[in-house]
Structures are given as structure tokens and as C-alpha cells.
Amino acid sequence: QVQLAESGGGLVQSGESLRLSCRASSSRYPVYHMNWYRQAPGKQREMVARITKSGTTSYDDSVRGRFTISRDANNTVFLKMNDLKPEDTAVYYCNVDLKTPTGWDLENWGQGTQVTVSS
């Protein structure tokens, strides 16, 4: 019921920037909150940034001040990542929260895009 198309990952050097994007196409329920998660090898998936339908943003402490999440009117969410560090290396996943008549549908994930930062 929702399709997520991610793009923008790649290999960069420490200190460089990347921008990820994810277009959400929902056929049934409205898209509310849009989130970026990441998972590094051997680690649990963690939320990096979140933007609500009204535009309120929140960030993990590890990226605050370096990453910026935004969205447009077409349910595309962006993650601008500046001053990248080797510890930012991970697969980044787009996730969206859908509002259903009975509550929330939270398990909507993109395919993931690899971000690799070399030192």
C-alpha cells in the first residue's frame, strides 16, 4: 500500500556531504511522519532523523548540527548530510508512518541505500 524509492547514497571522504532522498507513494492511507534510520554492520538499526507532517524535526545526538531532514509537498523526504564521518557509514533506510482509520501503520521501509565514508 506504500512504495518507497530511495536514492543518493555513495562513497565519500570524511568531511564531505551527501543528500539522500526518498519518495513515498501511498495508495490508501495518508503519509504522516517521515523518518531516516541507519544500520551499521553488527549494530542495531537506529533512528537518525524524523520530520512530522507539520514539519517539526528531531535528530539523534550523533548527527544533530550536521544532518538536516526536510520534506516536500509530494511526500519526498530528504536527508542532507554534511561533515560526514567514518562512523556515519551504514545502510540508510527511509521509513514512513501512515495514519489508518484504526491507528498507525509504522512498518513501511525503503530498500536501503549504502553510505560509506572513508577517513
Protein backbone atom coordinates (compact mmCIF):
# COMPACT_ATOMS: atom_id res chain seq x y z
CA GLN A 1 0.00 0.00 0.00
CA VAL A 2 3.03 2.30 0.12
CA GLN A 3 6.07 2.34 -2.11
CA LEU A 4 9.31 3.97 -1.06
CA ALA A 5 12.03 4.81 -3.57
CA GLU A 6 15.36 5.84 -2.11
CA SER A 7 18.38 7.33 -3.81
CA GLY A 8 21.52 9.28 -3.09
CA GLY A 9 23.92 7.00 -1.25
CA GLY A 10 27.55 6.57 -2.20
CA LEU A 11 31.19 6.65 -1.19
CA VAL A 12 32.65 9.91 0.08
CA GLN A 13 35.60 11.08 2.09
CA SER A 14 35.46 12.34 5.64
CA GLY A 15 34.15 15.91 5.76
CA GLU A 16 32.21 15.69 2.52
CA SER A 17 28.45 15.82 2.00
CA LEU A 18 25.68 13.67 0.56
CA ARG A 19 21.95 14.10 0.12
CA LEU A 20 19.55 11.19 0.36
CA SER A 21 16.02 11.30 -0.96
CA CYS A 22 13.00 9.03 -0.62
CA ARG A 23 9.70 9.37 -2.44
CA ALA A 24 6.69 7.81 -0.68
CA SER A 25 3.71 6.78 -2.78
CA SER A 26 0.77 5.69 -0.65
CA SER A 27 -2.36 4.43 -2.39
CA ARG A 28 -4.60 4.07 0.62
CA TYR A 29 -3.58 5.97 3.76
CA PRO A 30 -2.01 9.40 4.20
CA VAL A 31 1.68 9.73 4.93
CA TYR A 32 2.32 11.46 8.24
CA HIS A 33 5.75 11.27 9.79
CA MET A 34 8.82 10.52 7.67
CA ASN A 35 11.98 9.13 9.17
CA TRP A 36 15.52 8.12 8.33
CA TYR A 37 17.14 5.17 10.07
CA ARG A 38 20.55 3.65 9.62
CA GLN A 39 22.17 0.33 10.37
CA ALA A 40 25.90 -0.18 10.57
CA PRO A 41 27.45 -3.65 10.33
CA GLY A 42 26.98 -5.55 13.58
CA LYS A 43 24.76 -2.86 15.09
CA GLN A 44 21.06 -2.37 15.59
CA ARG A 45 19.05 -0.12 13.35
CA GLU A 46 18.75 3.36 14.85
CA MET A 47 16.66 6.41 14.05
CA VAL A 48 18.72 9.27 12.67
CA ALA A 49 16.11 11.93 11.98
CA ARG A 50 12.38 12.48 11.90
CA ILE A 51 10.06 15.05 10.39
CA THR A 52 6.40 15.24 11.22
CA LYS A 53 3.59 16.13 8.84
CA SER A 54 3.62 19.66 10.24
CA GLY A 55 7.37 19.96 9.69
CA THR A 56 8.71 19.50 13.20
CA THR A 57 12.12 17.85 13.12
CA SER A 58 14.16 15.84 15.58
CA TYR A 59 17.61 14.29 15.39
CA ASP A 60 19.80 11.75 17.10
CA ASP A 61 22.54 13.44 19.10
CA SER A 62 25.22 11.91 16.89
CA VAL A 63 24.05 13.83 13.81
CA ARG A 64 22.46 16.99 15.23
CA GLY A 65 24.05 20.03 13.66
CA ARG A 66 25.42 18.06 10.71
CA PHE A 67 22.32 16.44 9.16
CA THR A 68 19.16 18.19 8.03
CA ILE A 69 15.87 16.45 7.28
CA SER A 70 13.24 18.07 5.10
CA ARG A 71 10.22 17.10 3.02
CA ASP A 72 8.20 18.46 0.15
CA ALA A 73 4.51 18.51 -0.67
CA ASN A 74 4.85 15.34 -2.75
CA ASN A 75 5.89 13.18 0.22
CA THR A 76 9.53 13.16 -0.70
CA VAL A 77 11.84 13.27 2.28
CA PHE A 78 15.44 14.41 2.09
CA LEU A 79 18.42 13.97 4.37
CA LYS A 80 21.26 16.40 3.77
CA MET A 81 24.36 15.07 5.45
CA ASN A 82 27.27 17.45 5.95
CA ASP A 83 30.67 16.91 7.53
CA LEU A 84 30.35 13.16 7.17
CA LYS A 85 32.46 10.98 9.43
CA PRO A 86 33.56 7.34 9.09
CA GLU A 87 31.16 6.44 11.91
CA ASP A 88 28.28 7.56 9.67
CA THR A 89 28.98 4.58 7.43
CA ALA A 90 25.82 2.49 7.30
CA VAL A 91 22.86 1.45 5.22
CA TYR A 92 20.31 4.24 5.45
CA TYR A 93 16.61 3.39 5.37
CA CYS A 94 13.62 5.59 4.71
CA ASN A 95 10.60 4.87 6.93
CA VAL A 96 7.15 6.44 6.91
CA ASP A 97 4.23 6.39 9.32
CA LEU A 98 0.78 6.04 7.78
CA LYS A 99 -2.39 7.18 9.53
CA THR A 100 -5.07 4.49 9.30
CA PRO A 101 -8.69 4.59 10.46
CA THR A 102 -7.74 2.43 13.45
CA GLY A 103 -4.35 3.86 14.33
CA TRP A 104 -0.90 3.83 12.77
CA ASP A 105 0.95 1.71 10.28
CA LEU A 106 4.62 2.15 11.16
CA GLU A 107 6.31 -0.68 9.27
CA ASN A 108 6.94 0.89 5.91
CA TRP A 109 10.56 0.70 4.83
CA GLY A 110 12.61 1.60 1.80
CA GLN A 111 15.13 -0.77 0.30
CA GLY A 112 18.07 0.98 1.92
CA THR A 113 20.95 2.90 0.41
CA GLN A 114 24.60 2.44 1.34
CA VAL A 115 26.60 5.40 2.65
CA THR A 116 30.31 4.81 3.06
CA VAL A 117 32.64 7.44 4.50
CA SER A 118 36.36 6.89 4.18
CA SER A 119 38.85 8.52 6.52
